[in-house]
mmCIF file of all heavy atoms, coordinates in Angstrom:
data_MODEL
# 
_entry.id   MODEL 
# 
loop_
_atom_site.group_PDB 
_atom_site.id 
_atom_site.type_symbol 
_atom_site.label_atom_id 
_atom_site.label_alt_id 
_atom_site.label_comp_id 
_atom_site.label_asym_id 
_atom_site.label_entity_id 
_atom_site.label_seq_id 
_atom_site.pdbx_PDB_ins_code 
_atom_site.Cartn_x 
_atom_site.Cartn_y 
_atom_site.Cartn_z 
_atom_site.occupancy 
_atom_site.B_iso_or_equiv 
_atom_site.pdbx_formal_charge 
_atom_site.auth_seq_id 
_atom_site.auth_comp_id 
_atom_site.auth_asym_id 
_atom_site.auth_atom_id 
_atom_site.pdbx_PDB_model_num 
ATOM 1   N N   . HIS A 1 1  ? 0.838  -1.207 -0.015  1.00 0.00 ? 1  HIS A N   1 
ATOM 2   C CA  . HIS A 1 1  ? 0.008  0.000  0.010   1.00 0.00 ? 1  HIS A CA  1 
ATOM 3   C C   . HIS A 1 1  ? 0.887  1.268  0.009   1.00 0.00 ? 1  HIS A C   1 
ATOM 4   O O   . HIS A 1 1  ? 0.557  2.253  -0.662  1.00 0.00 ? 1  HIS A O   1 
ATOM 5   C CB  . HIS A 1 1  ? -0.925 -0.009 1.226   1.00 0.00 ? 1  HIS A CB  1 
ATOM 6   C CG  . HIS A 1 1  ? -1.888 1.124  1.251   1.00 0.00 ? 1  HIS A CG  1 
ATOM 7   N ND1 . HIS A 1 1  ? -3.002 1.158  0.451   1.00 0.00 ? 1  HIS A ND1 1 
ATOM 8   C CD2 . HIS A 1 1  ? -1.880 2.298  1.969   1.00 0.00 ? 1  HIS A CD2 1 
ATOM 9   C CE1 . HIS A 1 1  ? -3.679 2.299  0.670   1.00 0.00 ? 1  HIS A CE1 1 
ATOM 10  N NE2 . HIS A 1 1  ? -3.006 2.983  1.582   1.00 0.00 ? 1  HIS A NE2 1 
ATOM 11  N N   . GLN A 1 2  ? 1.974  1.213  0.730   1.00 0.00 ? 2  GLN A N   1 
ATOM 12  C CA  . GLN A 1 2  ? 2.853  2.374  0.790   1.00 0.00 ? 2  GLN A CA  1 
ATOM 13  C C   . GLN A 1 2  ? 3.580  2.626  -0.527  1.00 0.00 ? 2  GLN A C   1 
ATOM 14  O O   . GLN A 1 2  ? 4.021  3.730  -0.789  1.00 0.00 ? 2  GLN A O   1 
ATOM 15  C CB  . GLN A 1 2  ? 3.894  2.153  1.916   1.00 0.00 ? 2  GLN A CB  1 
ATOM 16  C CG  . GLN A 1 2  ? 3.293  2.210  3.311   1.00 0.00 ? 2  GLN A CG  1 
ATOM 17  C CD  . GLN A 1 2  ? 4.294  1.849  4.379   1.00 0.00 ? 2  GLN A CD  1 
ATOM 18  O OE1 . GLN A 1 2  ? 5.395  1.384  4.092   1.00 0.00 ? 2  GLN A OE1 1 
ATOM 19  N NE2 . GLN A 1 2  ? 3.938  2.061  5.655   1.00 0.00 ? 2  GLN A NE2 1 
ATOM 20  N N   . LEU A 1 3  ? 3.656  1.578  -1.384  1.00 0.00 ? 3  LEU A N   1 
ATOM 21  C CA  . LEU A 1 3  ? 4.292  1.765  -2.684  1.00 0.00 ? 3  LEU A CA  1 
ATOM 22  C C   . LEU A 1 3  ? 3.388  2.479  -3.685  1.00 0.00 ? 3  LEU A C   1 
ATOM 23  O O   . LEU A 1 3  ? 3.877  3.059  -4.672  1.00 0.00 ? 3  LEU A O   1 
ATOM 24  C CB  . LEU A 1 3  ? 4.668  0.406  -3.274  1.00 0.00 ? 3  LEU A CB  1 
ATOM 25  C CG  . LEU A 1 3  ? 5.855  -0.315 -2.641  1.00 0.00 ? 3  LEU A CG  1 
ATOM 26  C CD1 . LEU A 1 3  ? 5.994  -1.716 -3.233  1.00 0.00 ? 3  LEU A CD1 1 
ATOM 27  C CD2 . LEU A 1 3  ? 7.147  0.467  -2.896  1.00 0.00 ? 3  LEU A CD2 1 
ATOM 28  N N   . LYS A 1 4  ? 2.099  2.477  -3.418  1.00 0.00 ? 4  LYS A N   1 
ATOM 29  C CA  . LYS A 1 4  ? 1.179  3.074  -4.372  1.00 0.00 ? 4  LYS A CA  1 
ATOM 30  C C   . LYS A 1 4  ? 1.437  4.569  -4.560  1.00 0.00 ? 4  LYS A C   1 
ATOM 31  O O   . LYS A 1 4  ? 1.434  5.069  -5.686  1.00 0.00 ? 4  LYS A O   1 
ATOM 32  C CB  . LYS A 1 4  ? -0.268 2.848  -3.922  1.00 0.00 ? 4  LYS A CB  1 
ATOM 33  C CG  . LYS A 1 4  ? -0.744 1.438  -4.004  1.00 0.00 ? 4  LYS A CG  1 
ATOM 34  C CD  . LYS A 1 4  ? -2.170 1.283  -3.492  1.00 0.00 ? 4  LYS A CD  1 
ATOM 35  C CE  . LYS A 1 4  ? -3.169 2.068  -4.368  1.00 0.00 ? 4  LYS A CE  1 
ATOM 36  N NZ  . LYS A 1 4  ? -4.542 1.865  -3.875  1.00 0.00 ? 4  LYS A NZ  1 
ATOM 37  N N   . ALA A 1 5  ? 1.659  5.270  -3.452  1.00 0.00 ? 5  ALA A N   1 
ATOM 38  C CA  . ALA A 1 5  ? 1.819  6.741  -3.537  1.00 0.00 ? 5  ALA A CA  1 
ATOM 39  C C   . ALA A 1 5  ? 3.069  7.125  -4.339  1.00 0.00 ? 5  ALA A C   1 
ATOM 40  O O   . ALA A 1 5  ? 2.963  7.980  -5.228  1.00 0.00 ? 5  ALA A O   1 
ATOM 41  C CB  . ALA A 1 5  ? 1.888  7.317  -2.134  1.00 0.00 ? 5  ALA A CB  1 
ATOM 42  N N   . PRO A 1 6  ? 4.240  6.529  -4.128  1.00 0.00 ? 6  PRO A N   1 
ATOM 43  C CA  . PRO A 1 6  ? 5.420  6.937  -4.957  1.00 0.00 ? 6  PRO A CA  1 
ATOM 44  C C   . PRO A 1 6  ? 5.217  6.670  -6.425  1.00 0.00 ? 6  PRO A C   1 
ATOM 45  O O   . PRO A 1 6  ? 5.582  7.501  -7.254  1.00 0.00 ? 6  PRO A O   1 
ATOM 46  C CB  . PRO A 1 6  ? 6.541  6.051  -4.374  1.00 0.00 ? 6  PRO A CB  1 
ATOM 47  C CG  . PRO A 1 6  ? 6.128  5.729  -2.983  1.00 0.00 ? 6  PRO A CG  1 
ATOM 48  C CD  . PRO A 1 6  ? 4.649  5.633  -3.014  1.00 0.00 ? 6  PRO A CD  1 
ATOM 49  N N   . PHE A 1 7  ? 4.620  5.537  -6.777  1.00 0.00 ? 7  PHE A N   1 
ATOM 50  C CA  . PHE A 1 7  ? 4.403  5.263  -8.198  1.00 0.00 ? 7  PHE A CA  1 
ATOM 51  C C   . PHE A 1 7  ? 3.387  6.225  -8.798  1.00 0.00 ? 7  PHE A C   1 
ATOM 52  O O   . PHE A 1 7  ? 3.521  6.652  -9.956  1.00 0.00 ? 7  PHE A O   1 
ATOM 53  C CB  . PHE A 1 7  ? 3.959  3.828  -8.392  1.00 0.00 ? 7  PHE A CB  1 
ATOM 54  C CG  . PHE A 1 7  ? 5.077  2.829  -8.367  1.00 0.00 ? 7  PHE A CG  1 
ATOM 55  C CD1 . PHE A 1 7  ? 5.151  1.879  -7.364  1.00 0.00 ? 7  PHE A CD1 1 
ATOM 56  C CD2 . PHE A 1 7  ? 6.083  2.883  -9.299  1.00 0.00 ? 7  PHE A CD2 1 
ATOM 57  C CE1 . PHE A 1 7  ? 6.197  0.964  -7.334  1.00 0.00 ? 7  PHE A CE1 1 
ATOM 58  C CE2 . PHE A 1 7  ? 7.132  1.969  -9.272  1.00 0.00 ? 7  PHE A CE2 1 
ATOM 59  C CZ  . PHE A 1 7  ? 7.206  1.011  -8.291  1.00 0.00 ? 7  PHE A CZ  1 
ATOM 60  N N   . ALA A 1 8  ? 2.381  6.563  -8.024  1.00 0.00 ? 8  ALA A N   1 
ATOM 61  C CA  . ALA A 1 8  ? 1.398  7.520  -8.517  1.00 0.00 ? 8  ALA A CA  1 
ATOM 62  C C   . ALA A 1 8  ? 2.047  8.885  -8.739  1.00 0.00 ? 8  ALA A C   1 
ATOM 63  O O   . ALA A 1 8  ? 1.750  9.590  -9.729  1.00 0.00 ? 8  ALA A O   1 
ATOM 64  C CB  . ALA A 1 8  ? 0.228  7.647  -7.517  1.00 0.00 ? 8  ALA A CB  1 
ATOM 65  N N   . ALA A 1 9  ? 2.988  9.283  -7.836  1.00 0.00 ? 9  ALA A N   1 
ATOM 66  C CA  . ALA A 1 9  ? 3.669  10.559 -8.013  1.00 0.00 ? 9  ALA A CA  1 
ATOM 67  C C   . ALA A 1 9  ? 4.557  10.550 -9.255  1.00 0.00 ? 9  ALA A C   1 
ATOM 68  O O   . ALA A 1 9  ? 4.585  11.508 -10.025 1.00 0.00 ? 9  ALA A O   1 
ATOM 69  C CB  . ALA A 1 9  ? 4.524  10.841 -6.764  1.00 0.00 ? 9  ALA A CB  1 
ATOM 70  N N   . ILE A 1 10 ? 5.267  9.409  -9.468  1.00 0.00 ? 10 ILE A N   1 
ATOM 71  C CA  . ILE A 1 10 ? 6.133  9.308  -10.672 1.00 0.00 ? 10 ILE A CA  1 
ATOM 72  C C   . ILE A 1 10 ? 5.290  9.429  -11.942 1.00 0.00 ? 10 ILE A C   1 
ATOM 73  O O   . ILE A 1 10 ? 5.639  10.125 -12.885 1.00 0.00 ? 10 ILE A O   1 
ATOM 74  C CB  . ILE A 1 10 ? 6.893  7.966  -10.640 1.00 0.00 ? 10 ILE A CB  1 
ATOM 75  C CG1 . ILE A 1 10 ? 7.890  7.959  -9.492  1.00 0.00 ? 10 ILE A CG1 1 
ATOM 76  C CG2 . ILE A 1 10 ? 7.613  7.740  -11.978 1.00 0.00 ? 10 ILE A CG2 1 
ATOM 77  C CD1 . ILE A 1 10 ? 8.567  6.608  -9.279  1.00 0.00 ? 10 ILE A CD1 1 
ATOM 78  N N   . GLN A 1 11 ? 4.141  8.751  -11.905 1.00 0.00 ? 11 GLN A N   1 
ATOM 79  C CA  . GLN A 1 11 ? 3.243  8.793  -13.075 1.00 0.00 ? 11 GLN A CA  1 
ATOM 80  C C   . GLN A 1 11 ? 2.717  10.209 -13.301 1.00 0.00 ? 11 GLN A C   1 
ATOM 81  O O   . GLN A 1 11 ? 2.628  10.669 -14.424 1.00 0.00 ? 11 GLN A O   1 
ATOM 82  C CB  . GLN A 1 11 ? 2.104  7.802  -12.878 1.00 0.00 ? 11 GLN A CB  1 
ATOM 83  C CG  . GLN A 1 11 ? 1.287  7.596  -14.130 1.00 0.00 ? 11 GLN A CG  1 
ATOM 84  C CD  . GLN A 1 11 ? 0.313  6.466  -13.994 1.00 0.00 ? 11 GLN A CD  1 
ATOM 85  O OE1 . GLN A 1 11 ? 0.238  5.814  -12.944 1.00 0.00 ? 11 GLN A OE1 1 
ATOM 86  N NE2 . GLN A 1 11 ? -0.444 6.199  -15.029 1.00 0.00 ? 11 GLN A NE2 1 
ATOM 87  N N   . ALA A 1 12 ? 2.412  10.888 -12.221 1.00 0.00 ? 12 ALA A N   1 
ATOM 88  C CA  . ALA A 1 12 ? 1.880  12.264 -12.335 1.00 0.00 ? 12 ALA A CA  1 
ATOM 89  C C   . ALA A 1 12 ? 2.929  13.192 -12.896 1.00 0.00 ? 12 ALA A C   1 
ATOM 90  O O   . ALA A 1 12 ? 2.674  14.025 -13.784 1.00 0.00 ? 12 ALA A O   1 
ATOM 91  C CB  . ALA A 1 12 ? 1.414  12.762 -10.980 1.00 0.00 ? 12 ALA A CB  1 
ATOM 92  N N   . TYR A 1 13 ? 4.199  13.078 -12.432 1.00 0.00 ? 13 TYR A N   1 
ATOM 93  C CA  . TYR A 1 13 ? 5.265  13.904 -12.956 1.00 0.00 ? 13 TYR A CA  1 
ATOM 94  C C   . TYR A 1 13 ? 5.511  13.591 -14.438 1.00 0.00 ? 13 TYR A C   1 
ATOM 95  O O   . TYR A 1 13 ? 5.807  14.512 -15.237 1.00 0.00 ? 13 TYR A O   1 
ATOM 96  C CB  . TYR A 1 13 ? 6.546  13.675 -12.155 1.00 0.00 ? 13 TYR A CB  1 
ATOM 97  C CG  . TYR A 1 13 ? 6.510  14.324 -10.782 1.00 0.00 ? 13 TYR A CG  1 
ATOM 98  C CD1 . TYR A 1 13 ? 6.841  13.609 -9.646  1.00 0.00 ? 13 TYR A CD1 1 
ATOM 99  C CD2 . TYR A 1 13 ? 6.149  15.661 -10.621 1.00 0.00 ? 13 TYR A CD2 1 
ATOM 100 C CE1 . TYR A 1 13 ? 6.811  14.164 -8.385  1.00 0.00 ? 13 TYR A CE1 1 
ATOM 101 C CE2 . TYR A 1 13 ? 6.092  16.245 -9.367  1.00 0.00 ? 13 TYR A CE2 1 
ATOM 102 C CZ  . TYR A 1 13 ? 6.425  15.512 -8.239  1.00 0.00 ? 13 TYR A CZ  1 
ATOM 103 O OH  . TYR A 1 13 ? 6.415  16.067 -7.014  1.00 0.00 ? 13 TYR A OH  1 
ATOM 104 N N   . ALA A 1 14 ? 5.434  12.335 -14.788 1.00 0.00 ? 14 ALA A N   1 
ATOM 105 C CA  . ALA A 1 14 ? 5.617  11.943 -16.180 1.00 0.00 ? 14 ALA A CA  1 
ATOM 106 C C   . ALA A 1 14 ? 4.522  12.568 -17.049 1.00 0.00 ? 14 ALA A C   1 
ATOM 107 O O   . ALA A 1 14 ? 4.801  13.053 -18.155 1.00 0.00 ? 14 ALA A O   1 
ATOM 108 C CB  . ALA A 1 14 ? 5.604  10.410 -16.318 1.00 0.00 ? 14 ALA A CB  1 
ATOM 109 N N   . ASP A 1 15 ? 3.303  12.584 -16.556 1.00 0.00 ? 15 ASP A N   1 
ATOM 110 C CA  . ASP A 1 15 ? 2.189  13.214 -17.288 1.00 0.00 ? 15 ASP A CA  1 
ATOM 111 C C   . ASP A 1 15 ? 2.449  14.697 -17.469 1.00 0.00 ? 15 ASP A C   1 
ATOM 112 O O   . ASP A 1 15 ? 2.119  15.257 -18.542 1.00 0.00 ? 15 ASP A O   1 
ATOM 113 C CB  . ASP A 1 15 ? 0.862  12.955 -16.559 1.00 0.00 ? 15 ASP A CB  1 
ATOM 114 C CG  . ASP A 1 15 ? 0.416  11.511 -16.647 1.00 0.00 ? 15 ASP A CG  1 
ATOM 115 O OD1 . ASP A 1 15 ? 0.845  10.811 -17.604 1.00 0.00 ? 15 ASP A OD1 1 
ATOM 116 O OD2 . ASP A 1 15 ? -0.359 11.079 -15.767 1.00 0.00 ? 15 ASP A OD2 1 
ATOM 117 N N   . LEU A 1 16 ? 2.960  15.356 -16.462 1.00 0.00 ? 16 LEU A N   1 
ATOM 118 C CA  . LEU A 1 16 ? 3.227  16.801 -16.552 1.00 0.00 ? 16 LEU A CA  1 
ATOM 119 C C   . LEU A 1 16 ? 4.237  17.086 -17.668 1.00 0.00 ? 16 LEU A C   1 
ATOM 120 O O   . LEU A 1 16 ? 4.065  17.996 -18.481 1.00 0.00 ? 16 LEU A O   1 
ATOM 121 C CB  . LEU A 1 16 ? 3.763  17.312 -15.231 1.00 0.00 ? 16 LEU A CB  1 
ATOM 122 C CG  . LEU A 1 16 ? 2.758  17.475 -14.084 1.00 0.00 ? 16 LEU A CG  1 
ATOM 123 C CD1 . LEU A 1 16 ? 3.466  17.844 -12.801 1.00 0.00 ? 16 LEU A CD1 1 
ATOM 124 C CD2 . LEU A 1 16 ? 1.688  18.509 -14.445 1.00 0.00 ? 16 LEU A CD2 1 
ATOM 125 N N   . VAL A 1 17 ? 5.303  16.249 -17.750 1.00 0.00 ? 17 VAL A N   1 
ATOM 126 C CA  . VAL A 1 17 ? 6.308  16.453 -18.783 1.00 0.00 ? 17 VAL A CA  1 
ATOM 127 C C   . VAL A 1 17 ? 5.725  16.173 -20.159 1.00 0.00 ? 17 VAL A C   1 
ATOM 128 O O   . VAL A 1 17 ? 5.938  16.938 -21.124 1.00 0.00 ? 17 VAL A O   1 
ATOM 129 C CB  . VAL A 1 17 ? 7.514  15.558 -18.507 1.00 0.00 ? 17 VAL A CB  1 
ATOM 130 C CG1 . VAL A 1 17 ? 8.537  15.646 -19.669 1.00 0.00 ? 17 VAL A CG1 1 
ATOM 131 C CG2 . VAL A 1 17 ? 8.194  15.926 -17.184 1.00 0.00 ? 17 VAL A CG2 1 
ATOM 132 N N   . LEU A 1 18 ? 4.973  15.087 -20.251 1.00 0.00 ? 18 LEU A N   1 
ATOM 133 C CA  . LEU A 1 18 ? 4.404  14.704 -21.561 1.00 0.00 ? 18 LEU A CA  1 
ATOM 134 C C   . LEU A 1 18 ? 3.359  15.719 -22.038 1.00 0.00 ? 18 LEU A C   1 
ATOM 135 O O   . LEU A 1 18 ? 3.194  15.908 -23.246 1.00 0.00 ? 18 LEU A O   1 
ATOM 136 C CB  . LEU A 1 18 ? 3.775  13.321 -21.483 1.00 0.00 ? 18 LEU A CB  1 
ATOM 137 C CG  . LEU A 1 18 ? 4.768  12.158 -21.268 1.00 0.00 ? 18 LEU A CG  1 
ATOM 138 C CD1 . LEU A 1 18 ? 4.018  10.855 -21.014 1.00 0.00 ? 18 LEU A CD1 1 
ATOM 139 C CD2 . LEU A 1 18 ? 5.673  11.976 -22.495 1.00 0.00 ? 18 LEU A CD2 1 
ATOM 140 N N   . ASP A 1 19 ? 2.680  16.371 -21.111 1.00 0.00 ? 19 ASP A N   1 
ATOM 141 C CA  . ASP A 1 19 ? 1.673  17.371 -21.488 1.00 0.00 ? 19 ASP A CA  1 
ATOM 142 C C   . ASP A 1 19 ? 2.282  18.746 -21.763 1.00 0.00 ? 19 ASP A C   1 
ATOM 143 O O   . ASP A 1 19 ? 1.548  19.708 -22.074 1.00 0.00 ? 19 ASP A O   1 
ATOM 144 C CB  . ASP A 1 19 ? 0.615  17.499 -20.373 1.00 0.00 ? 19 ASP A CB  1 
ATOM 145 C CG  . ASP A 1 19 ? -0.244 16.236 -20.266 1.00 0.00 ? 19 ASP A CG  1 
ATOM 146 O OD1 . ASP A 1 19 ? -0.311 15.477 -21.277 1.00 0.00 ? 19 ASP A OD1 1 
ATOM 147 O OD2 . ASP A 1 19 ? -0.840 16.007 -19.203 1.00 0.00 ? 19 ASP A OD2 1 
ATOM 148 N N   . GLY A 1 20 ? 3.622  18.859 -21.621 1.00 0.00 ? 20 GLY A N   1 
ATOM 149 C CA  . GLY A 1 20 ? 4.298  20.094 -21.961 1.00 0.00 ? 20 GLY A CA  1 
ATOM 150 C C   . GLY A 1 20 ? 4.419  21.121 -20.879 1.00 0.00 ? 20 GLY A C   1 
ATOM 151 O O   . GLY A 1 20 ? 4.881  22.244 -21.128 1.00 0.00 ? 20 GLY A O   1 
ATOM 152 N N   . TYR A 1 21 ? 4.045  20.779 -19.620 1.00 0.00 ? 21 TYR A N   1 
ATOM 153 C CA  . TYR A 1 21 ? 4.087  21.757 -18.542 1.00 0.00 ? 21 TYR A CA  1 
ATOM 154 C C   . TYR A 1 21 ? 5.503  21.984 -18.040 1.00 0.00 ? 21 TYR A C   1 
ATOM 155 O O   . TYR A 1 21 ? 5.751  22.900 -17.262 1.00 0.00 ? 21 TYR A O   1 
ATOM 156 C CB  . TYR A 1 21 ? 3.199  21.261 -17.369 1.00 0.00 ? 21 TYR A CB  1 
ATOM 157 C CG  . TYR A 1 21 ? 1.740  21.312 -17.714 1.00 0.00 ? 21 TYR A CG  1 
ATOM 158 C CD1 . TYR A 1 21 ? 1.057  20.146 -18.001 1.00 0.00 ? 21 TYR A CD1 1 
ATOM 159 C CD2 . TYR A 1 21 ? 1.049  22.521 -17.780 1.00 0.00 ? 21 TYR A CD2 1 
ATOM 160 C CE1 . TYR A 1 21 ? -0.302 20.160 -18.337 1.00 0.00 ? 21 TYR A CE1 1 
ATOM 161 C CE2 . TYR A 1 21 ? -0.299 22.560 -18.106 1.00 0.00 ? 21 TYR A CE2 1 
ATOM 162 C CZ  . TYR A 1 21 ? -0.978 21.371 -18.382 1.00 0.00 ? 21 TYR A CZ  1 
ATOM 163 O OH  . TYR A 1 21 ? -2.311 21.422 -18.693 1.00 0.00 ? 21 TYR A OH  1 
ATOM 164 N N   . ALA A 1 22 ? 6.448  21.146 -18.445 1.00 0.00 ? 22 ALA A N   1 
ATOM 165 C CA  . ALA A 1 22 ? 7.848  21.331 -18.007 1.00 0.00 ? 22 ALA A CA  1 
ATOM 166 C C   . ALA A 1 22 ? 8.710  21.950 -19.108 1.00 0.00 ? 22 ALA A C   1 
ATOM 167 O O   . ALA A 1 22 ? 9.929  21.896 -19.046 1.00 0.00 ? 22 ALA A O   1 
ATOM 168 C CB  . ALA A 1 22 ? 8.430  19.979 -17.594 1.00 0.00 ? 22 ALA A CB  1 
ATOM 169 N N   . GLY A 1 23 ? 8.063  22.494 -20.101 1.00 0.00 ? 23 GLY A N   1 
ATOM 170 C CA  . GLY A 1 23 ? 8.808  23.114 -21.179 1.00 0.00 ? 23 GLY A CA  1 
ATOM 171 C C   . GLY A 1 23 ? 9.058  22.135 -22.307 1.00 0.00 ? 23 GLY A C   1 
ATOM 172 O O   . GLY A 1 23 ? 8.562  20.994 -22.299 1.00 0.00 ? 23 GLY A O   1 
ATOM 173 N N   . LYS A 1 24 ? 9.845  22.567 -23.275 1.00 0.00 ? 24 LYS A N   1 
ATOM 174 C CA  . LYS A 1 24 ? 10.132 21.736 -24.433 1.00 0.00 ? 24 LYS A CA  1 
ATOM 175 C C   . LYS A 1 24 ? 11.078 20.623 -24.071 1.00 0.00 ? 24 LYS A C   1 
ATOM 176 O O   . LYS A 1 24 ? 12.108 20.840 -23.421 1.00 0.00 ? 24 LYS A O   1 
ATOM 177 C CB  . LYS A 1 24 ? 10.751 22.626 -25.545 1.00 0.00 ? 24 LYS A CB  1 
ATOM 178 C CG  . LYS A 1 24 ? 10.876 21.863 -26.853 1.00 0.00 ? 24 LYS A CG  1 
ATOM 179 C CD  . LYS A 1 24 ? 11.406 22.771 -27.951 1.00 0.00 ? 24 LYS A CD  1 
ATOM 180 C CE  . LYS A 1 24 ? 11.536 22.015 -29.262 1.00 0.00 ? 24 LYS A CE  1 
ATOM 181 N NZ  . LYS A 1 24 ? 12.009 22.904 -30.352 1.00 0.00 ? 24 LYS A NZ  1 
ATOM 182 N N   . THR A 1 25 ? 10.700 19.434 -24.472 1.00 0.00 ? 25 THR A N   1 
ATOM 183 C CA  . THR A 1 25 ? 11.513 18.235 -24.151 1.00 0.00 ? 25 THR A CA  1 
ATOM 184 C C   . THR A 1 25 ? 11.909 17.535 -25.440 1.00 0.00 ? 25 THR A C   1 
ATOM 185 O O   . THR A 1 25 ? 11.056 17.348 -26.333 1.00 0.00 ? 25 THR A O   1 
ATOM 186 C CB  . THR A 1 25 ? 10.723 17.281 -23.249 1.00 0.00 ? 25 THR A CB  1 
ATOM 187 O OG1 . THR A 1 25 ? 10.247 18.012 -22.105 1.00 0.00 ? 25 THR A OG1 1 
ATOM 188 C CG2 . THR A 1 25 ? 11.579 16.113 -22.789 1.00 0.00 ? 25 THR A CG2 1 
# 
């Protein structure tokens, strides 16, 4: 259960980069 939160955070950060919120990649 404790592993769910870190993976969810990683996925959320990945979504931010893919959606362009972190600038041009």
